[in-house]
């Protein structure tokens, strides 16, 4: 891990969870496109309100990123790159955009928790993301719904 803060947080977690000592190195990331979004999202996760995130399958494929897997660890950082918590993926579901339900938007924990908010926000995000690859979002596109639990925080 290049990020020293993330490496230290991961080490502190492993001190009490030696069963994961040989796990794949966690991904180090932040969720959001700007400082305000990263801060808001981090606060939602730290408070336990946000327990899922959504990726477009096309975006993952174009960036050659693997699908999240059950058991994956992620070190989440703030905007400055300081590690704040560790997440563990507990479920992954692939669903067409049109089939996302309000129950999922509540688990994702953003905005007013409504399906309308979720669809509008993610449609805009996917539009920006896919534009770089010459693609556009569609109602039938596959969304990778990643459910996680916060397993450690500083």
C-alpha atoms as a PDB file:
ATOM      1  CA  UNK A   1       0.000   0.000   0.000  1.00  0.00           C
ATOM      2  CA  UNK A   2       1.461   3.337  -1.021  1.00  0.00           C
ATOM      3  CA  UNK A   3      -0.750   5.351   1.345  1.00  0.00           C
ATOM      4  CA  UNK A   4       0.977   5.275   4.764  1.00  0.00           C
ATOM      5  CA  UNK A   5      -2.205   6.273   6.601  1.00  0.00           C
ATOM      6  CA  UNK A   6      -4.102   3.387   4.980  1.00  0.00           C
ATOM      7  CA  UNK A   7      -1.254   0.972   5.688  1.00  0.00           C
ATOM      8  CA  UNK A   8      -1.273   1.986   9.368  1.00  0.00           C
ATOM      9  CA  UNK A   9      -5.053   1.643   9.670  1.00  0.00           C
ATOM     10  CA  UNK A  10      -4.941  -1.773   7.994  1.00  0.00           C
ATOM     11  CA  UNK A  11      -2.149  -2.823  10.360  1.00  0.00           C
ATOM     12  CA  UNK A  12      -4.156  -1.706  13.389  1.00  0.00           C
ATOM     13  CA  UNK A  13      -7.118  -3.734  12.141  1.00  0.00           C
ATOM     14  CA  UNK A  14      -4.971  -6.814  11.586  1.00  0.00           C
ATOM     15  CA  UNK A  15      -3.583  -6.556  15.139  1.00  0.00           C
ATOM     16  CA  UNK A  16      -7.006  -7.767  16.345  1.00  0.00           C
ATOM     17  CA  UNK A  17      -7.989  -9.794  13.275  1.00  0.00           C
ATOM     18  CA  UNK A  18      -5.073 -12.055  12.448  1.00  0.00           C
ATOM     19  CA  UNK A  19      -7.432 -14.313  10.499  1.00  0.00           C
ATOM     20  CA  UNK A  20      -7.211 -11.756   7.668  1.00  0.00           C
ATOM     21  CA  UNK A  21      -3.409 -11.435   7.691  1.00  0.00           C
ATOM     22  CA  UNK A  22      -3.149 -13.270   4.368  1.00  0.00           C
ATOM     23  CA  UNK A  23      -6.120 -11.554   2.725  1.00  0.00           C
ATOM     24  CA  UNK A  24      -5.633  -9.647  -0.483  1.00  0.00           C
ATOM     25  CA  UNK A  25      -4.380  -6.118   0.161  1.00  0.00           C
ATOM     26  CA  UNK A  26      -7.350  -3.779   0.518  1.00  0.00           C
ATOM     27  CA  UNK A  27      -8.224  -1.211  -2.097  1.00  0.00           C
ATOM     28  CA  UNK A  28      -7.634   2.363  -0.895  1.00  0.00           C
ATOM     29  CA  UNK A  29     -10.173   4.881  -2.155  1.00  0.00           C
ATOM     30  CA  UNK A  30     -12.576   7.691  -1.436  1.00  0.00           C
ATOM     31  CA  UNK A  31     -16.180   7.928  -2.570  1.00  0.00           C
ATOM     32  CA  UNK A  32     -17.134  11.139  -4.330  1.00  0.00           C
ATOM     33  CA  UNK A  33     -15.930  13.440  -7.082  1.00  0.00           C
ATOM     34  CA  UNK A  34     -15.119  16.524  -5.021  1.00  0.00           C
ATOM     35  CA  UNK A  35     -14.214  17.462  -1.453  1.00  0.00           C
ATOM     36  CA  UNK A  36     -17.819  18.155  -0.414  1.00  0.00           C
ATOM     37  CA  UNK A  37     -19.108  14.820  -1.780  1.00  0.00           C
ATOM     38  CA  UNK A  38     -16.251  12.852  -0.223  1.00  0.00           C
ATOM     39  CA  UNK A  39     -16.902  14.451   3.188  1.00  0.00           C
ATOM     40  CA  UNK A  40     -20.671  13.892   3.013  1.00  0.00           C
ATOM     41  CA  UNK A  41     -20.301  10.278   1.893  1.00  0.00           C
ATOM     42  CA  UNK A  42     -17.682   9.512   4.526  1.00  0.00           C
ATOM     43  CA  UNK A  43     -19.939  10.955   7.236  1.00  0.00           C
ATOM     44  CA  UNK A  44     -22.853   8.813   6.029  1.00  0.00           C
ATOM     45  CA  UNK A  45     -20.679   5.691   6.162  1.00  0.00           C
ATOM     46  CA  UNK A  46     -19.157   6.493   9.550  1.00  0.00           C
ATOM     47  CA  UNK A  47     -22.643   7.105  10.994  1.00  0.00           C
ATOM     48  CA  UNK A  48     -23.899   3.784   9.591  1.00  0.00           C
ATOM     49  CA  UNK A  49     -26.523   5.363   7.308  1.00  0.00           C
ATOM     50  CA  UNK A  50     -24.757   4.375   4.077  1.00  0.00           C
ATOM     51  CA  UNK A  51     -24.211   0.613   3.692  1.00  0.00           C
ATOM     52  CA  UNK A  52     -24.001   0.233  -0.082  1.00  0.00           C
ATOM     53  CA  UNK A  53     -22.540   1.821  -3.176  1.00  0.00           C
ATOM     54  CA  UNK A  54     -23.309   1.448  -6.865  1.00  0.00           C
ATOM     55  CA  UNK A  55     -20.966   1.034  -9.814  1.00  0.00           C
ATOM     56  CA  UNK A  56     -21.877   0.891 -13.481  1.00  0.00           C
ATOM     57  CA  UNK A  57     -20.686  -2.403 -14.936  1.00  0.00           C
ATOM     58  CA  UNK A  58     -19.657  -0.598 -18.135  1.00  0.00           C
ATOM     59  CA  UNK A  59     -17.524   1.843 -16.162  1.00  0.00           C
ATOM     60  CA  UNK A  60     -15.742  -0.983 -14.326  1.00  0.00           C
ATOM     61  CA  UNK A  61     -15.145  -2.811 -17.607  1.00  0.00           C
ATOM     62  CA  UNK A  62     -13.776   0.262 -19.406  1.00  0.00           C
ATOM     63  CA  UNK A  63     -11.417   1.033 -16.512  1.00  0.00           C
ATOM     64  CA  UNK A  64     -10.444  -2.661 -16.371  1.00  0.00           C
ATOM     65  CA  UNK A  65     -11.398  -2.831 -12.685  1.00  0.00           C
ATOM     66  CA  UNK A  66     -12.509  -6.147 -11.205  1.00  0.00           C
ATOM     67  CA  UNK A  67     -16.003  -6.673  -9.879  1.00  0.00           C
ATOM     68  CA  UNK A  68     -16.198  -6.293  -6.117  1.00  0.00           C
ATOM     69  CA  UNK A  69     -16.273  -9.658  -4.339  1.00  0.00           C
ATOM     70  CA  UNK A  70     -17.737 -10.760  -1.053  1.00  0.00           C
ATOM     71  CA  UNK A  71     -14.993 -10.471   1.548  1.00  0.00           C
ATOM     72  CA  UNK A  72     -13.089  -7.664  -0.193  1.00  0.00           C
ATOM     73  CA  UNK A  73     -11.702  -4.996   2.121  1.00  0.00           C
ATOM     74  CA  UNK A  74     -11.563  -1.290   1.293  1.00  0.00           C
ATOM     75  CA  UNK A  75      -9.739   1.421   3.224  1.00  0.00           C
ATOM     76  CA  UNK A  76     -11.793   4.579   2.888  1.00  0.00           C
ATOM     77  CA  UNK A  77     -10.011   7.925   3.017  1.00  0.00           C
ATOM     78  CA  UNK A  78     -11.024  11.531   3.323  1.00  0.00           C
ATOM     79  CA  UNK A  79     -10.329  14.084   0.580  1.00  0.00           C
ATOM     80  CA  UNK A  80      -6.734  14.546   1.776  1.00  0.00           C
ATOM     81  CA  UNK A  81      -6.054  10.805   1.644  1.00  0.00           C
ATOM     82  CA  UNK A  82      -6.128  10.180   5.397  1.00  0.00           C
ATOM     83  CA  UNK A  83      -7.545   6.727   6.147  1.00  0.00           C
ATOM     84  CA  UNK A  84     -10.734   6.876   8.196  1.00  0.00           C
ATOM     85  CA  UNK A  85     -12.293   3.414   8.161  1.00  0.00           C
ATOM     86  CA  UNK A  86     -12.231  -0.066   6.702  1.00  0.00           C
ATOM     87  CA  UNK A  87     -15.184  -1.548   4.844  1.00  0.00           C
ATOM     88  CA  UNK A  88     -15.799  -5.186   4.001  1.00  0.00           C
ATOM     89  CA  UNK A  89     -17.997  -6.220   1.077  1.00  0.00           C
ATOM     90  CA  UNK A  90     -20.801  -8.488   2.308  1.00  0.00           C
ATOM     91  CA  UNK A  91     -22.879  -8.860  -0.878  1.00  0.00           C
ATOM     92  CA  UNK A  92     -22.746  -7.983  -4.559  1.00  0.00           C
ATOM     93  CA  UNK A  93     -25.800  -7.897  -6.818  1.00  0.00           C
ATOM     94  CA  UNK A  94     -25.904  -7.115 -10.538  1.00  0.00           C
ATOM     95  CA  UNK A  95     -29.193  -5.482 -11.517  1.00  0.00           C
ATOM     96  CA  UNK A  96     -30.510  -3.544 -14.491  1.00  0.00           C
ATOM     97  CA  UNK A  97     -30.886   0.162 -13.670  1.00  0.00           C
ATOM     98  CA  UNK A  98     -34.665  -0.024 -14.176  1.00  0.00           C
ATOM     99  CA  UNK A  99     -34.992  -2.741 -11.507  1.00  0.00           C
ATOM    100  CA  UNK A 100     -33.447  -0.797  -8.604  1.00  0.00           C
ATOM    101  CA  UNK A 101     -36.018  -0.480  -5.808  1.00  0.00           C
ATOM    102  CA  UNK A 102     -36.596   2.072  -3.074  1.00  0.00           C
ATOM    103  CA  UNK A 103     -35.419  -0.414  -0.454  1.00  0.00           C
ATOM    104  CA  UNK A 104     -31.966  -0.277  -2.056  1.00  0.00           C
ATOM    105  CA  UNK A 105     -31.928   3.538  -2.207  1.00  0.00           C
ATOM    106  CA  UNK A 106     -32.543   3.552   1.554  1.00  0.00           C
ATOM    107  CA  UNK A 107     -29.561   1.229   2.151  1.00  0.00           C
ATOM    108  CA  UNK A 108     -27.377   3.452  -0.016  1.00  0.00           C
ATOM    109  CA  UNK A 109     -28.348   6.192   2.426  1.00  0.00           C
ATOM    110  CA  UNK A 110     -27.950   9.363   0.339  1.00  0.00           C
ATOM    111  CA  UNK A 111     -30.159  12.413  -0.125  1.00  0.00           C
ATOM    112  CA  UNK A 112     -33.760  11.953   0.962  1.00  0.00           C
ATOM    113  CA  UNK A 113     -33.393   8.140   0.606  1.00  0.00           C
ATOM    114  CA  UNK A 114     -35.999   8.075  -2.160  1.00  0.00           C
ATOM    115  CA  UNK A 115     -35.727   6.041  -5.326  1.00  0.00           C
ATOM    116  CA  UNK A 116     -36.254   9.222  -7.369  1.00  0.00           C
ATOM    117  CA  UNK A 117     -33.236  10.869  -5.736  1.00  0.00           C
ATOM    118  CA  UNK A 118     -31.121   7.729  -6.227  1.00  0.00           C
ATOM    119  CA  UNK A 119     -32.049   7.374  -9.909  1.00  0.00           C
ATOM    120  CA  UNK A 120     -31.475  11.061 -10.723  1.00  0.00           C
ATOM    121  CA  UNK A 121     -28.130  11.222  -8.916  1.00  0.00           C
ATOM    122  CA  UNK A 122     -26.794   7.986 -10.371  1.00  0.00           C
ATOM    123  CA  UNK A 123     -28.051   8.706 -13.880  1.00  0.00           C
ATOM    124  CA  UNK A 124     -26.058  11.953 -13.789  1.00  0.00           C
ATOM    125  CA  UNK A 125     -22.981  10.157 -12.393  1.00  0.00           C
ATOM    126  CA  UNK A 126     -23.162   7.378 -14.973  1.00  0.00           C
ATOM    127  CA  UNK A 127     -23.656   9.907 -17.784  1.00  0.00           C
ATOM    128  CA  UNK A 128     -20.413  11.696 -16.814  1.00  0.00           C
ATOM    129  CA  UNK A 129     -18.545   8.451 -16.236  1.00  0.00           C
ATOM    130  CA  UNK A 130     -19.541   6.760 -19.497  1.00  0.00           C
ATOM    131  CA  UNK A 131     -19.113   9.865 -21.646  1.00  0.00           C
ATOM    132  CA  UNK A 132     -15.330   9.412 -21.335  1.00  0.00           C
ATOM    133  CA  UNK A 133     -15.738   6.037 -23.070  1.00  0.00           C
ATOM    134  CA  UNK A 134     -18.134   7.225 -25.758  1.00  0.00           C
ATOM    135  CA  UNK A 135     -21.078   5.461 -24.095  1.00  0.00           C
ATOM    136  CA  UNK A 136     -24.368   6.609 -22.627  1.00  0.00           C
ATOM    137  CA  UNK A 137     -26.407   5.155 -19.783  1.00  0.00           C
ATOM    138  CA  UNK A 138     -29.542   3.163 -20.554  1.00  0.00           C
ATOM    139  CA  UNK A 139     -32.375   1.905 -18.379  1.00  0.00           C
ATOM    140  CA  UNK A 140     -31.188  -1.637 -19.152  1.00  0.00           C
ATOM    141  CA  UNK A 141     -27.537  -1.047 -18.167  1.00  0.00           C
ATOM    142  CA  UNK A 142     -26.216  -3.223 -15.367  1.00  0.00           C
ATOM    143  CA  UNK A 143     -25.579  -1.638 -11.980  1.00  0.00           C
ATOM    144  CA  UNK A 144     -23.200  -3.403  -9.588  1.00  0.00           C
ATOM    145  CA  UNK A 145     -24.773  -3.004  -6.147  1.00  0.00           C
ATOM    146  CA  UNK A 146     -22.054  -3.470  -3.533  1.00  0.00           C
ATOM    147  CA  UNK A 147     -23.238  -3.903   0.054  1.00  0.00           C
ATOM    148  CA  UNK A 148     -20.665  -3.383   2.791  1.00  0.00           C
ATOM    149  CA  UNK A 149     -20.197  -3.206   6.519  1.00  0.00           C
ATOM    150  CA  UNK A 150     -17.873  -0.876   8.361  1.00  0.00           C
ATOM    151  CA  UNK A 151     -15.511  -3.165  10.268  1.00  0.00           C
ATOM    152  CA  UNK A 152     -13.033  -0.663  11.696  1.00  0.00           C
ATOM    153  CA  UNK A 153     -12.603   3.066  12.128  1.00  0.00           C
ATOM    154  CA  UNK A 154     -10.136   5.360  13.808  1.00  0.00           C
END
